[in-house]
Amino acid sequence: MLKKIGKGLLKGLGIILLLLVVAFVVLYLVYNEPLPEGKQGPEAEALAQKMLTAVNAEAWDQTNYIEWTFLGMHEYIWDKKRHLVEVRWDDNRVLLNPNTMKGKIYEDGKEQPDDQETLETAYSYFINDAFWMNGFVQIRNGNPELRTVDLEDGSQGLLVTYPTGGVTPGDSYLWLLDETGLPKAWKMWVGILPIGGLKVTWENWETFSTGAKVAKNHNAGIVDVELTGVRAYQTYQEGGYEEDIFAPILGL
C-alpha cells in the first residue's frame, strides 16, 4: 500500500515538474527578447539628459534623506548626503556605510558582534531596492554605456548597460519614456532573470517637497513591486528624529 502511495506521489510530482517546465518554455518563447543593439553617441546622451530633467535629477542630488519600504519587507532610511543607510528586515537592523562596508548590527534592539555576511546582506538589499527607488538618476553612476534604441511606435528608448559595479554587473535596462522624458516602463536583461526583455512599469509618480520625483509602483503583470512609506526630508529633525541615528557609525 505504501509503495503504491509512494509511486503515486512521485508520479504526481513528476507531472507537476513537467508542467512547470512546459510553462517556462512557453513563457520563454513568448516573452524572451534579445538585447537590442542601439546606438551610442550624442543622441543617447541627449535622451539621457531629457530623462534626468523630467525626473528632476538636480532635486534628487539635493535631497538629503529618503525613507521607503520595499515590498513590505525591507525598510530604509538613506542619508544621501553622507551616503549612509539604515536597513531593517525581520528582527535585524543594520547601520551601514556602503563605501567602507562597515557598520553596526542590531537584533531585537541589541547590538551584535561584527558579521560581514550580515553587512553584505544589508548592502545587497540596499543596492537592489534603491535601484527600484531611483534607478533613473543612477544612469550616470559607474560609467554605464548609453544607447538609443528605435522602438516600434516610432519613439526612442534609452538602453543603459552597466558593465561593472552593483550586485550583478552586466545588466541592461531599456527605459521607455513619455514625450516629456518621464519613464513609463523599462525592459530588463538581468542576470537573475532567465527571460530577457521583461517589461515592468514605472507609475504612480509622486513629487516630494524637495522637488524630486519617485514612482511608487512597478507592475510586471504577474507581480506589483510596491514602494510604501516613501518620504523625503532635509534634516533628521524634519524627519521626526530627535538625534542623528547614524552617529554610531560616523567615522567607520
Protein backbone atom coordinates (compact mmCIF):
# COMPACT_ATOMS: atom_id res chain seq x y z
CA MET A 1 0.00 0.00 0.00
CA LEU A 2 2.78 2.44 1.00
CA LYS A 3 4.71 1.58 -2.16
CA LYS A 4 1.64 2.41 -4.26
CA ILE A 5 1.20 5.73 -2.44
CA GLY A 6 4.91 6.50 -2.91
CA LYS A 7 4.74 5.70 -6.62
CA GLY A 8 1.60 7.79 -6.99
CA LEU A 9 3.21 10.72 -5.19
CA LEU A 10 6.35 10.55 -7.34
CA LYS A 11 4.23 10.33 -10.46
CA GLY A 12 2.21 13.36 -9.36
CA LEU A 13 5.37 15.35 -8.62
CA GLY A 14 6.79 14.34 -11.97
CA ILE A 15 3.68 15.61 -13.76
CA ILE A 16 3.82 18.92 -11.86
CA LEU A 17 7.51 19.32 -12.69
CA LEU A 18 6.83 18.58 -16.35
CA LEU A 19 4.02 21.16 -16.42
CA LEU A 20 6.30 23.74 -14.85
CA VAL A 21 8.99 23.05 -17.44
CA VAL A 22 6.46 23.33 -20.27
CA ALA A 23 5.08 26.57 -18.80
CA PHE A 24 8.58 28.04 -18.57
CA VAL A 25 9.37 27.07 -22.16
CA VAL A 26 6.13 28.69 -23.36
CA LEU A 27 6.82 31.86 -21.37
CA TYR A 28 10.39 31.93 -22.69
CA LEU A 29 9.28 31.56 -26.31
CA VAL A 30 6.54 34.17 -25.95
CA TYR A 31 8.26 36.83 -23.84
CA ASN A 32 12.02 36.42 -24.25
CA GLU A 33 13.62 39.15 -26.35
CA PRO A 34 17.24 39.53 -27.45
CA LEU A 35 19.10 42.54 -26.13
CA PRO A 36 18.74 45.35 -28.72
CA GLU A 37 21.95 46.81 -30.10
CA GLY A 38 21.15 50.52 -30.01
CA LYS A 39 23.45 53.37 -30.94
CA GLN A 40 25.90 55.24 -28.75
CA GLY A 41 26.72 58.90 -29.23
CA PRO A 42 25.35 62.44 -28.72
CA GLU A 43 21.75 61.36 -29.36
CA ALA A 44 21.90 58.88 -26.48
CA GLU A 45 23.45 61.50 -24.22
CA ALA A 46 20.69 63.96 -25.13
CA LEU A 47 17.95 61.40 -24.41
CA ALA A 48 19.58 60.59 -21.08
CA GLN A 49 19.62 64.26 -20.16
CA LYS A 50 15.96 64.59 -21.16
CA MET A 51 15.08 61.79 -18.73
CA LEU A 52 17.19 63.32 -15.95
CA THR A 53 15.45 66.65 -16.46
CA ALA A 54 11.99 65.03 -16.39
CA VAL A 55 12.66 63.31 -13.03
CA ASN A 56 14.35 66.45 -11.68
CA ALA A 57 17.71 64.78 -11.06
CA GLU A 58 19.07 68.03 -9.64
CA ALA A 59 16.43 67.88 -6.88
CA TRP A 60 17.39 64.26 -6.22
CA ASP A 61 21.01 65.31 -5.79
CA GLN A 62 19.96 67.97 -3.29
CA THR A 63 17.62 65.72 -1.29
CA ASN A 64 19.40 64.63 1.89
CA TYR A 65 17.18 61.87 3.33
CA ILE A 66 14.90 59.29 1.73
CA GLU A 67 12.75 56.71 3.54
CA TRP A 68 10.86 53.84 1.98
CA THR A 69 9.75 50.24 2.41
CA PHE A 70 10.34 47.78 -0.42
CA LEU A 71 7.65 45.12 -0.97
CA GLY A 72 6.67 45.44 2.68
CA MET A 73 9.84 43.55 3.68
CA HIS A 74 12.86 45.87 3.70
CA GLU A 75 12.74 49.29 5.39
CA TYR A 76 15.26 52.04 4.65
CA ILE A 77 16.46 55.41 5.83
CA TRP A 78 19.05 56.66 3.34
CA ASP A 79 21.25 59.59 4.24
CA LYS A 80 22.18 60.50 0.68
CA LYS A 81 24.44 63.41 1.60
CA ARG A 82 26.77 61.24 3.69
CA HIS A 83 25.82 58.02 1.86
CA LEU A 84 24.84 56.10 4.99
CA VAL A 85 21.85 53.77 5.24
CA GLU A 86 19.73 52.05 7.84
CA VAL A 87 18.34 48.71 6.65
CA ARG A 88 15.66 46.81 8.59
CA TRP A 89 14.29 43.35 7.84
CA ASP A 90 12.76 40.74 10.13
CA ASP A 91 14.38 41.36 13.55
CA ASN A 92 17.52 42.87 12.01
CA ARG A 93 18.63 46.47 11.94
CA VAL A 94 21.88 47.44 10.23
CA LEU A 95 23.53 50.85 10.12
CA LEU A 96 25.85 50.68 7.12
CA ASN A 97 28.45 52.77 5.36
CA PRO A 98 28.28 51.32 1.82
CA ASN A 99 31.57 52.97 0.88
CA THR A 100 33.59 51.19 3.55
CA MET A 101 31.28 48.19 4.10
CA LYS A 102 31.50 48.81 7.83
CA GLY A 103 28.62 49.29 10.19
CA LYS A 104 26.68 48.27 13.27
CA ILE A 105 24.37 45.27 13.53
CA TYR A 106 21.40 45.02 15.88
CA GLU A 107 18.97 42.17 16.50
CA ASP A 108 15.84 42.71 18.58
CA GLY A 109 17.35 46.06 19.55
CA LYS A 110 20.59 44.59 20.90
CA GLU A 111 23.94 45.27 19.27
CA GLN A 112 25.54 42.17 17.77
CA PRO A 113 29.18 41.28 17.01
CA ASP A 114 30.54 42.32 13.62
CA ASP A 115 29.42 39.91 10.93
CA GLN A 116 30.47 40.55 7.34
CA GLU A 117 27.79 38.29 5.91
CA THR A 118 25.03 40.31 7.58
CA LEU A 119 26.60 43.56 6.37
CA GLU A 120 26.81 42.19 2.84
CA THR A 121 23.16 41.08 3.01
CA ALA A 122 22.12 44.59 4.04
CA TYR A 123 24.26 46.05 1.25
CA SER A 124 22.74 43.70 -1.35
CA TYR A 125 19.20 44.60 -0.25
CA PHE A 126 20.01 48.30 -0.35
CA ILE A 127 21.66 48.30 -3.78
CA ASN A 128 18.76 46.39 -5.34
CA ASP A 129 15.93 48.25 -3.63
CA ALA A 130 17.48 51.71 -4.09
CA PHE A 131 17.65 50.98 -7.82
CA TRP A 132 13.89 50.45 -7.82
CA MET A 133 13.63 53.73 -5.94
CA ASN A 134 15.69 56.00 -8.22
CA GLY A 135 17.44 53.93 -10.87
CA PHE A 136 16.76 56.71 -13.37
CA VAL A 137 19.27 59.04 -11.70
CA GLN A 138 21.84 56.26 -11.48
CA ILE A 139 22.42 56.21 -15.23
CA ARG A 140 25.48 58.41 -14.61
CA ASN A 141 26.90 56.15 -11.88
CA GLY A 142 29.77 53.82 -12.74
CA ASN A 143 30.14 54.98 -16.37
CA PRO A 144 27.35 52.84 -17.88
CA GLU A 145 27.02 52.53 -21.66
CA LEU A 146 24.16 54.62 -23.06
CA ARG A 147 22.45 53.85 -26.37
CA THR A 148 19.32 54.98 -28.20
CA VAL A 149 17.01 52.24 -29.46
CA ASP A 150 14.38 52.84 -32.15
CA LEU A 151 11.03 51.48 -30.92
CA GLU A 152 8.11 50.11 -32.92
CA ASP A 153 5.90 53.12 -32.14
CA GLY A 154 8.45 55.49 -33.71
CA SER A 155 9.82 56.80 -30.41
CA GLN A 156 13.23 56.14 -28.92
CA GLY A 157 14.16 54.24 -25.78
CA LEU A 158 17.30 54.66 -23.72
CA LEU A 159 19.33 51.47 -23.29
CA VAL A 160 21.59 51.57 -20.22
CA THR A 161 24.17 48.80 -19.69
CA TYR A 162 26.26 48.53 -16.52
CA PRO A 163 29.48 46.67 -17.42
CA THR A 164 30.75 46.93 -13.84
CA GLY A 165 29.51 47.81 -10.38
CA GLY A 166 26.39 46.97 -8.41
CA VAL A 167 25.50 43.46 -7.32
CA THR A 168 25.04 41.99 -10.80
CA PRO A 169 27.35 43.76 -13.29
CA GLY A 170 26.46 43.34 -16.95
CA ASP A 171 22.75 44.09 -16.51
CA SER A 172 20.92 46.19 -19.11
CA TYR A 173 17.75 48.26 -18.87
CA LEU A 174 15.79 49.76 -21.75
CA TRP A 175 13.96 52.84 -20.47
CA LEU A 176 10.64 53.60 -22.20
CA LEU A 177 9.79 57.29 -21.86
CA ASP A 178 6.79 59.53 -22.43
CA GLU A 179 7.02 62.64 -24.56
CA THR A 180 8.47 64.66 -21.68
CA GLY A 181 11.17 62.08 -20.93
CA LEU A 182 9.49 60.71 -17.79
CA PRO A 183 9.92 56.92 -17.53
CA LYS A 184 6.80 54.86 -18.26
CA ALA A 185 8.45 51.45 -18.01
CA TRP A 186 11.67 49.58 -18.54
CA LYS A 187 12.64 46.27 -20.09
CA MET A 188 15.26 44.27 -18.25
CA TRP A 189 18.08 41.97 -19.30
CA VAL A 190 19.49 41.00 -15.90
CA GLY A 191 21.47 38.07 -14.59
CA ILE A 192 18.87 36.96 -12.05
CA LEU A 193 16.10 36.58 -14.66
CA PRO A 194 16.13 33.82 -17.29
CA ILE A 195 13.83 35.78 -19.60
CA GLY A 196 15.24 38.83 -21.38
CA GLY A 197 13.20 41.94 -22.07
CA LEU A 198 10.75 41.58 -19.18
CA LYS A 199 8.68 44.78 -19.13
CA VAL A 200 7.92 46.50 -15.83
CA THR A 201 6.04 49.78 -15.46
CA TRP A 202 7.11 52.90 -13.60
CA GLU A 203 3.89 54.54 -12.43
CA ASN A 204 2.08 56.26 -9.56
CA TRP A 205 4.58 59.11 -9.60
CA GLU A 206 4.87 61.42 -6.60
CA THR A 207 6.80 64.67 -6.25
CA PHE A 208 8.50 65.22 -2.90
CA SER A 209 8.64 68.56 -1.13
CA THR A 210 12.27 68.70 -2.31
CA GLY A 211 11.09 68.56 -5.96
CA ALA A 212 12.43 65.05 -6.58
CA LYS A 213 10.08 62.57 -8.27
CA VAL A 214 9.55 58.90 -7.46
CA ALA A 215 7.43 56.13 -8.99
CA LYS A 216 5.84 54.09 -6.20
CA ASN A 217 4.53 51.20 -8.31
CA HIS A 218 6.21 48.85 -10.78
CA ASN A 219 3.84 46.38 -12.41
CA ALA A 220 5.30 43.34 -14.14
CA GLY A 221 1.94 41.79 -14.96
CA ILE A 222 2.24 38.91 -12.50
CA VAL A 223 3.57 40.96 -9.59
CA ASP A 224 3.37 44.56 -8.42
CA VAL A 225 6.62 45.87 -6.93
CA GLU A 226 5.37 48.49 -4.49
CA LEU A 227 7.25 51.14 -2.54
CA THR A 228 5.42 52.30 0.58
CA GLY A 229 6.12 54.79 3.34
CA VAL A 230 8.03 56.92 0.87
CA ARG A 231 9.10 60.33 2.12
CA ALA A 232 11.96 62.80 1.77
CA TYR A 233 13.35 65.49 4.05
CA GLN A 234 16.47 67.57 4.53
CA THR A 235 17.33 67.13 8.24
CA TYR A 236 16.77 64.29 10.68
CA GLN A 237 14.78 66.70 12.85
CA GLU A 238 12.49 67.36 9.90
CA GLY A 239 12.10 63.58 9.60
CA GLY A 240 10.89 63.40 13.20
CA TYR A 241 14.09 62.10 14.82
CA GLU A 242 15.48 63.69 17.98
CA GLU A 243 19.07 62.66 17.25
CA ASP A 244 21.27 61.55 14.38
CA ILE A 245 20.54 57.82 14.02
CA PHE A 246 23.82 57.37 12.10
CA ALA A 247 26.00 58.75 14.93
CA PRO A 248 27.15 55.21 15.94
CA ILE A 249 28.83 54.65 12.56
CA LEU A 250 30.30 58.05 11.85
CA GLY A 251 33.97 57.58 11.07
CA LEU A 252 33.63 53.87 10.22
